[in-house]
N, C-alpha and C. Protein backbone atom coordinates (compact mmCIF):
# COMPACT_ATOMS: atom_id res chain seq x y z
N MET A 1 -10.87 -13.14 11.60
CA MET A 1 -10.50 -11.90 11.89
C MET A 1 -11.01 -11.65 13.65
N ARG A 2 -10.61 -10.61 14.01
CA ARG A 2 -11.04 -9.98 15.23
C ARG A 2 -11.88 -9.07 14.54
N ASP A 3 -13.48 -8.90 15.53
CA ASP A 3 -14.06 -7.86 15.39
C ASP A 3 -13.85 -6.73 15.95
N ILE A 4 -13.68 -5.70 15.31
CA ILE A 4 -13.73 -4.36 16.39
C ILE A 4 -14.98 -3.22 16.14
N ILE A 5 -15.69 -3.92 14.81
CA ILE A 5 -16.73 -2.75 14.82
C ILE A 5 -17.79 -3.24 15.41
N SER A 6 -17.87 -4.11 16.01
CA SER A 6 -19.13 -4.41 17.07
C SER A 6 -19.05 -4.27 18.37
N ASN A 7 -17.50 -3.42 18.45
CA ASN A 7 -17.07 -3.40 20.36
C ASN A 7 -16.71 -1.85 20.19
N THR A 8 -16.96 -1.02 19.36
CA THR A 8 -16.32 0.45 19.31
C THR A 8 -17.43 1.21 18.81
N ALA A 9 -17.23 2.51 18.67
CA ALA A 9 -18.20 3.36 18.30
C ALA A 9 -17.23 4.99 18.28
N VAL A 10 -17.53 5.54 17.11
CA VAL A 10 -16.86 6.64 16.78
C VAL A 10 -17.73 7.92 16.68
N ALA A 11 -17.05 8.89 17.71
CA ALA A 11 -17.85 10.24 17.05
C ALA A 11 -17.07 11.29 16.87
N SER A 12 -17.53 12.15 16.33
CA SER A 12 -16.93 13.78 16.05
C SER A 12 -16.82 14.59 16.87
N VAL A 13 -15.63 15.16 17.40
CA VAL A 13 -15.45 15.93 18.50
C VAL A 13 -15.41 17.42 18.19
N ILE A 14 -14.39 17.44 16.89
CA ILE A 14 -14.21 18.78 16.17
C ILE A 14 -14.41 18.59 14.85
N ALA A 15 -15.40 18.99 14.26
CA ALA A 15 -15.57 18.49 12.75
C ALA A 15 -14.40 19.10 11.93
N PRO A 16 -14.35 18.08 10.72
CA PRO A 16 -12.88 18.82 10.14
C PRO A 16 -13.06 19.94 9.46
N ALA A 17 -12.44 20.95 9.29
CA ALA A 17 -12.70 22.41 8.61
C ALA A 17 -11.20 23.24 9.31
N ALA A 18 -11.41 24.21 8.73
CA ALA A 18 -10.12 25.61 8.87
C ALA A 18 -10.76 26.11 9.86
N TYR A 19 -9.97 26.14 11.22
CA TYR A 19 -10.24 27.17 12.16
C TYR A 19 -9.40 28.29 12.44
N ASP A 20 -10.06 29.33 12.94
CA ASP A 20 -8.98 30.44 13.28
C ASP A 20 -9.74 31.00 14.38
N ALA A 21 -10.54 30.52 15.05
CA ALA A 21 -11.36 30.92 16.58
C ALA A 21 -11.70 29.44 16.91
N ASP A 22 -11.95 30.03 18.38
CA ASP A 22 -12.43 28.44 18.99
C ASP A 22 -13.74 27.76 18.50
N ASN A 23 -13.86 26.54 18.78
CA ASN A 23 -14.79 25.81 18.42
C ASN A 23 -15.87 25.83 19.44
N THR A 24 -17.15 25.39 19.11
CA THR A 24 -17.90 25.34 20.34
C THR A 24 -18.14 23.95 20.77
N PRO A 25 -17.59 23.02 22.18
CA PRO A 25 -17.54 22.23 21.92
C PRO A 25 -18.63 21.36 22.44
N ALA A 26 -18.83 20.31 21.82
CA ALA A 26 -20.01 19.53 21.96
C ALA A 26 -19.64 18.54 23.28
N ALA A 27 -20.94 17.97 24.06
CA ALA A 27 -20.53 16.92 24.97
C ALA A 27 -20.68 15.75 24.46
N ILE A 28 -19.47 14.56 24.58
CA ILE A 28 -19.26 13.47 24.07
C ILE A 28 -19.77 12.55 25.44
N ASP A 29 -20.84 11.62 25.18
CA ASP A 29 -21.49 10.96 26.10
C ASP A 29 -20.68 9.42 25.82
N LEU A 30 -20.18 8.81 27.35
CA LEU A 30 -19.16 7.84 27.15
C LEU A 30 -20.39 6.55 27.76
N LYS A 31 -21.36 6.83 28.10
CA LYS A 31 -22.15 5.75 28.61
C LYS A 31 -22.34 4.65 27.81
N GLY A 32 -22.10 3.38 28.50
CA GLY A 32 -21.95 2.07 27.89
C GLY A 32 -20.99 1.65 27.01
N PHE A 33 -19.54 2.45 27.54
CA PHE A 33 -18.16 2.14 27.07
C PHE A 33 -17.46 2.47 28.37
N ASP A 34 -16.58 1.58 28.47
CA ASP A 34 -15.42 1.53 29.39
C ASP A 34 -13.97 2.19 29.11
N SER A 35 -14.03 2.81 27.73
CA SER A 35 -12.84 3.16 27.35
C SER A 35 -13.03 4.05 26.21
N ALA A 36 -12.27 5.18 26.50
CA ALA A 36 -11.92 6.08 25.08
C ALA A 36 -10.91 6.66 24.73
N MET A 37 -10.65 7.04 23.64
CA MET A 37 -9.47 7.62 22.72
C MET A 37 -9.78 8.64 21.78
N LEU A 38 -9.13 9.86 22.16
CA LEU A 38 -9.29 10.85 21.23
C LEU A 38 -8.14 10.94 20.55
N ALA A 39 -8.41 11.33 19.02
CA ALA A 39 -7.55 11.65 17.94
C ALA A 39 -7.78 12.81 17.62
N ILE A 40 -6.56 13.66 17.85
CA ILE A 40 -6.55 15.14 17.47
C ILE A 40 -5.65 15.45 16.19
N HIS A 41 -6.32 15.78 15.25
CA HIS A 41 -5.82 15.75 13.77
C HIS A 41 -5.66 17.36 13.78
N VAL A 42 -4.26 17.83 13.29
CA VAL A 42 -3.73 18.81 12.98
C VAL A 42 -2.95 19.22 11.95
N GLY A 43 -3.87 19.89 10.60
CA GLY A 43 -2.95 20.06 9.68
C GLY A 43 -1.93 20.82 9.44
N ALA A 44 -1.13 21.33 8.63
CA ALA A 44 -0.32 22.53 8.70
C ALA A 44 -0.49 23.68 9.35
N GLY A 45 0.03 24.39 10.02
CA GLY A 45 -0.32 25.63 10.43
C GLY A 45 -0.44 26.55 9.88
N GLY A 46 -1.50 27.42 10.33
CA GLY A 46 -2.20 28.41 9.14
C GLY A 46 -1.43 29.64 9.73
N ILE A 47 -0.49 29.65 10.49
CA ILE A 47 0.07 30.57 11.05
C ILE A 47 1.36 30.21 11.88
N SER A 48 2.46 30.95 12.16
CA SER A 48 3.79 30.42 12.72
C SER A 48 3.33 30.74 14.08
N PHE A 49 2.85 29.24 14.90
CA PHE A 49 2.33 29.50 16.42
C PHE A 49 3.83 29.95 17.11
N ASN A 50 3.24 30.40 18.37
CA ASN A 50 4.19 30.67 19.18
C ASN A 50 3.47 31.11 20.78
N GLY A 51 4.15 31.99 21.59
CA GLY A 51 3.31 31.61 23.20
C GLY A 51 2.40 32.56 23.20
N THR A 52 2.12 33.47 22.15
CA THR A 52 1.27 34.01 22.00
C THR A 52 0.26 33.89 21.21
N ASN A 53 0.44 33.38 19.94
CA ASN A 53 -0.42 33.05 18.79
C ASN A 53 -0.40 31.99 19.08
N LYS A 54 -1.39 31.06 19.32
CA LYS A 54 -1.29 29.65 19.82
C LYS A 54 -2.90 28.79 20.05
N VAL A 55 -2.82 27.70 20.07
CA VAL A 55 -3.63 26.91 20.10
C VAL A 55 -3.48 25.85 21.24
N GLU A 56 -4.61 25.67 22.21
CA GLU A 56 -4.52 24.91 23.09
C GLU A 56 -5.53 23.92 22.86
N PHE A 57 -5.43 22.50 23.58
CA PHE A 57 -6.70 21.85 23.17
C PHE A 57 -6.85 21.44 24.78
N LYS A 58 -7.99 21.70 25.34
CA LYS A 58 -8.66 21.46 26.56
C LYS A 58 -9.63 20.62 26.36
N LEU A 59 -9.44 19.66 27.42
CA LEU A 59 -9.90 18.16 27.60
C LEU A 59 -10.79 18.68 29.25
N SER A 60 -12.28 18.47 28.94
CA SER A 60 -12.97 18.21 30.20
C SER A 60 -13.85 17.50 30.61
N HIS A 61 -14.34 17.30 31.85
CA HIS A 61 -14.91 15.84 32.10
C HIS A 61 -16.41 16.45 32.99
N SER A 62 -17.41 15.53 32.96
CA SER A 62 -18.50 15.89 33.95
C SER A 62 -19.11 14.73 34.04
N ASP A 63 -19.77 14.67 35.09
CA ASP A 63 -20.66 13.58 35.60
C ASP A 63 -21.79 13.93 34.93
N ASP A 64 -22.07 15.30 35.15
CA ASP A 64 -23.83 15.44 34.67
C ASP A 64 -24.07 16.23 33.20
N ASP A 65 -23.19 16.77 32.54
CA ASP A 65 -23.04 17.43 31.60
C ASP A 65 -23.60 18.92 31.76
N ALA A 66 -23.05 19.34 33.04
CA ALA A 66 -23.64 20.72 33.24
C ALA A 66 -22.40 21.31 34.12
N THR A 67 -21.69 20.66 35.03
CA THR A 67 -20.24 21.18 35.54
C THR A 67 -19.33 20.08 34.99
N TYR A 68 -18.28 20.98 34.33
CA TYR A 68 -17.29 20.62 33.61
C TYR A 68 -16.11 20.92 34.40
N GLU A 69 -15.34 20.07 34.53
CA GLU A 69 -13.77 20.31 35.18
C GLU A 69 -12.66 19.90 34.32
N PRO A 70 -11.56 20.60 34.19
CA PRO A 70 -10.46 20.40 33.43
C PRO A 70 -9.83 18.87 33.98
N VAL A 71 -9.48 17.96 32.83
CA VAL A 71 -8.84 16.33 33.50
C VAL A 71 -7.56 16.91 33.67
N THR A 72 -6.72 16.08 34.51
CA THR A 72 -5.40 16.18 34.98
C THR A 72 -4.47 15.04 34.41
N ASP A 73 -3.35 14.78 34.61
CA ASP A 73 -2.57 13.87 34.26
C ASP A 73 -3.02 12.59 34.51
N ALA A 74 -3.66 12.10 35.78
CA ALA A 74 -4.52 10.97 36.26
C ALA A 74 -5.54 10.41 35.33
N ASP A 75 -6.18 11.61 34.72
CA ASP A 75 -7.26 11.01 33.86
C ASP A 75 -7.09 10.76 32.32
N VAL A 76 -5.80 10.71 32.27
CA VAL A 76 -5.40 10.46 30.62
C VAL A 76 -4.42 9.94 30.55
N GLN A 77 -4.00 9.41 29.38
CA GLN A 77 -2.71 8.51 28.92
C GLN A 77 -2.35 9.04 27.74
N GLY A 78 -1.29 8.77 27.30
CA GLY A 78 -0.29 9.67 26.10
C GLY A 78 0.00 10.86 25.89
N VAL A 79 -0.34 11.43 27.02
CA VAL A 79 0.23 12.88 27.27
C VAL A 79 0.67 12.97 28.53
N ALA A 80 1.81 14.25 28.78
CA ALA A 80 1.86 14.28 30.46
C ALA A 80 2.18 15.67 30.52
N GLY A 81 2.02 16.21 31.73
CA GLY A 81 2.25 17.83 32.08
C GLY A 81 1.05 18.29 31.90
N VAL A 82 -0.32 17.52 31.89
CA VAL A 82 -1.46 18.20 31.60
C VAL A 82 -1.81 19.35 33.05
N THR A 83 -1.84 20.65 32.62
CA THR A 83 -2.09 21.74 33.11
C THR A 83 -3.67 22.36 32.73
N SER A 84 -4.61 22.77 33.70
CA SER A 84 -5.73 23.20 33.14
C SER A 84 -6.37 22.42 32.00
N GLY A 85 -6.08 21.17 32.03
CA GLY A 85 -7.21 20.19 30.86
C GLY A 85 -6.34 20.47 29.76
N ILE A 86 -4.96 21.04 29.46
CA ILE A 86 -4.36 21.28 28.19
C ILE A 86 -3.80 20.04 27.78
N VAL A 87 -4.33 19.27 27.02
CA VAL A 87 -3.79 17.86 26.44
C VAL A 87 -2.68 17.93 25.04
N LEU A 88 -2.65 19.51 24.26
CA LEU A 88 -1.89 19.36 23.40
C LEU A 88 -1.73 20.91 23.35
N ALA A 89 -0.90 21.56 22.93
CA ALA A 89 -0.56 23.06 22.96
C ALA A 89 0.15 23.13 21.43
N LEU A 90 -0.28 23.85 20.69
CA LEU A 90 0.40 24.36 19.32
C LEU A 90 0.94 25.53 20.05
N LYS A 91 2.38 26.07 20.05
CA LYS A 91 3.25 26.85 20.49
C LYS A 91 4.41 27.31 19.73
N ALA A 92 4.61 26.48 18.58
CA ALA A 92 5.65 26.33 17.68
C ALA A 92 5.61 26.22 16.55
N ALA A 93 6.18 26.35 15.31
CA ALA A 93 6.01 26.10 14.16
C ALA A 93 5.10 24.49 14.11
N HIS A 94 4.47 24.45 12.98
CA HIS A 94 3.58 23.21 12.82
C HIS A 94 3.69 22.93 11.23
N PRO A 95 4.96 22.51 10.58
CA PRO A 95 4.74 22.84 9.22
C PRO A 95 3.91 21.28 8.53
N ASP A 96 3.97 20.04 9.29
CA ASP A 96 3.31 19.40 9.03
C ASP A 96 2.27 18.57 9.55
N PRO A 97 1.39 17.72 8.91
CA PRO A 97 0.23 17.39 9.63
C PRO A 97 0.49 16.44 10.82
N SER A 98 -0.44 16.40 11.82
CA SER A 98 -0.10 15.11 12.98
C SER A 98 -1.43 14.77 13.42
N VAL A 99 -1.16 13.64 14.32
CA VAL A 99 -2.31 13.31 14.90
C VAL A 99 -1.87 12.79 16.19
N THR A 100 -2.64 13.38 17.32
CA THR A 100 -2.09 13.12 18.79
C THR A 100 -3.18 12.32 19.16
N ARG A 101 -2.59 11.43 19.89
CA ARG A 101 -3.63 10.15 20.80
C ARG A 101 -3.78 10.74 22.01
N VAL A 102 -5.08 10.83 22.65
CA VAL A 102 -5.12 11.02 24.10
C VAL A 102 -6.08 9.71 24.49
N GLY A 103 -5.56 9.04 25.59
CA GLY A 103 -6.41 8.33 26.06
C GLY A 103 -7.27 8.73 27.37
N TYR A 104 -8.51 8.65 27.14
CA TYR A 104 -9.25 9.28 28.66
C TYR A 104 -9.44 7.86 29.26
N VAL A 105 -8.87 8.14 30.50
CA VAL A 105 -9.05 7.03 31.66
C VAL A 105 -9.92 7.40 33.12
N GLY A 106 -10.57 8.87 32.67
CA GLY A 106 -11.29 9.21 34.10
C GLY A 106 -12.40 8.52 34.26
N ASN A 107 -12.96 8.72 34.99
CA ASN A 107 -14.42 7.76 35.26
C ASN A 107 -15.49 8.83 35.12
N ARG A 108 -15.52 9.59 34.51
CA ARG A 108 -16.76 10.71 34.16
C ARG A 108 -17.53 10.13 32.93
N ARG A 109 -18.85 10.76 33.16
CA ARG A 109 -19.56 9.87 31.79
C ARG A 109 -19.51 10.87 30.53
N PHE A 110 -19.20 12.39 31.05
CA PHE A 110 -19.20 13.23 29.45
C PHE A 110 -17.67 13.75 29.80
N ILE A 111 -17.43 14.18 28.44
CA ILE A 111 -16.07 15.11 28.04
C ILE A 111 -16.43 15.53 26.82
N LYS A 112 -15.54 17.06 26.91
CA LYS A 112 -15.64 17.95 25.79
C LYS A 112 -14.22 18.66 25.49
N LEU A 113 -14.02 18.64 24.48
CA LEU A 113 -12.71 19.29 23.99
C LEU A 113 -12.64 20.27 23.08
N LEU A 114 -12.18 21.31 23.68
CA LEU A 114 -12.05 22.77 23.21
C LEU A 114 -10.93 22.95 22.57
N ALA A 115 -10.84 23.65 21.35
CA ALA A 115 -9.50 24.06 20.42
C ALA A 115 -9.71 25.60 20.89
N ASP A 116 -8.93 25.74 22.10
CA ASP A 116 -8.77 27.32 22.37
C ASP A 116 -7.88 28.04 21.84
N PHE A 117 -8.32 29.21 20.91
CA PHE A 117 -7.20 29.97 20.06
C PHE A 117 -6.99 30.94 21.16
N SER A 118 -5.76 31.65 21.05
CA SER A 118 -5.09 32.51 21.39
C SER A 118 -4.23 33.71 20.75
N GLY A 119 -4.54 34.95 20.73
CA GLY A 119 -3.77 35.71 19.75
C GLY A 119 -4.28 35.97 18.28
N THR A 120 -3.57 36.27 17.56
CA THR A 120 -3.93 36.62 15.84
C THR A 120 -3.80 35.32 14.89
N HIS A 121 -4.70 34.90 14.55
CA HIS A 121 -4.65 34.01 13.46
C HIS A 121 -5.47 34.52 12.23
N GLY A 122 -4.57 35.20 11.37
CA GLY A 122 -4.87 35.70 10.11
C GLY A 122 -5.11 34.67 9.19
N THR A 123 -4.56 33.23 9.41
CA THR A 123 -5.00 32.37 8.20
C THR A 123 -5.39 30.70 9.33
N ALA A 124 -6.53 30.49 8.73
CA ALA A 124 -6.59 29.63 9.48
C ALA A 124 -5.86 28.23 9.56
N THR A 125 -6.38 27.27 10.54
CA THR A 125 -5.29 26.04 10.62
C THR A 125 -6.36 24.70 10.69
N PRO A 126 -6.25 23.91 9.52
CA PRO A 126 -7.42 22.43 9.68
C PRO A 126 -6.96 21.77 10.83
N LEU A 127 -8.15 21.56 11.26
CA LEU A 127 -8.31 20.74 12.51
C LEU A 127 -9.47 19.65 12.51
N ALA A 128 -9.44 18.70 13.24
CA ALA A 128 -10.51 17.78 13.52
C ALA A 128 -10.23 16.86 14.63
N ALA A 129 -11.27 16.44 15.34
CA ALA A 129 -10.66 15.67 16.42
C ALA A 129 -12.03 14.19 16.45
N THR A 130 -11.64 13.32 16.59
CA THR A 130 -12.81 12.41 16.60
C THR A 130 -12.34 11.65 18.38
N VAL A 131 -13.23 11.04 18.66
CA VAL A 131 -13.31 10.10 19.74
C VAL A 131 -13.64 8.51 19.30
N ILE A 132 -12.83 7.60 20.00
CA ILE A 132 -12.96 6.22 19.75
C ILE A 132 -13.67 5.87 20.91
N LYS A 133 -14.81 5.03 21.22
CA LYS A 133 -15.12 4.58 22.41
C LYS A 133 -15.23 3.18 22.51
N GLY A 134 -14.60 2.36 23.28
CA GLY A 134 -14.15 1.04 23.27
C GLY A 134 -14.57 0.49 24.39
N HIS A 135 -14.53 -1.03 24.52
CA HIS A 135 -15.04 -1.83 25.37
C HIS A 135 -16.40 -1.64 25.84
N ALA A 136 -17.31 -1.95 24.72
CA ALA A 136 -18.93 -1.38 24.69
C ALA A 136 -19.38 -2.64 25.48
N ARG A 137 -20.16 -2.30 26.75
CA ARG A 137 -20.98 -2.99 27.65
C ARG A 137 -22.05 -3.78 26.96
N GLU A 138 -22.83 -3.51 25.80
CA GLU A 138 -23.85 -3.85 24.85
C GLU A 138 -23.25 -4.40 23.50
N ARG A 139 -23.03 -5.20 22.94
CA ARG A 139 -22.43 -5.59 21.92
C ARG A 139 -23.49 -6.38 20.79
N PRO A 140 -23.78 -6.12 19.59
CA PRO A 140 -22.70 -5.41 18.52
C PRO A 140 -23.30 -3.80 18.92
N VAL A 141 -22.32 -2.78 18.87
CA VAL A 141 -22.66 -1.30 18.74
C VAL A 141 -23.36 -1.15 17.53
N ALA A 142 -24.21 -0.39 17.59
CA ALA A 142 -25.22 0.12 16.46
C ALA A 142 -24.58 1.23 15.92
């Protein structure tokens, strides 16, 4: 069998919970890894999303963990039309749970993912996000 556990690391980006307001994004350090993929988990929408009442997942990156800039299409895989770092936007009914994969191919050391809530969210929506760091430079990954 191929050994994936010694070559990857997993970190929580957005802790699993029901959210009705922005999360506080934590910096994810990619030092020691040459690839990363975000898995954004969204449960059934707590509200009927629309252009006003929405959630936008905004990915940003940084060299120094101080100054963050939004990613662009050139920095990600699996999604297209990235504007202002938005890699996923919930702007229509979302009755079924989903997982969206976003590959980060930028060359910055740190990334952050913000679930940016706009409008009124009277009922929370279950969310979670993880990052899978791959191609470890030192193995096995502890």
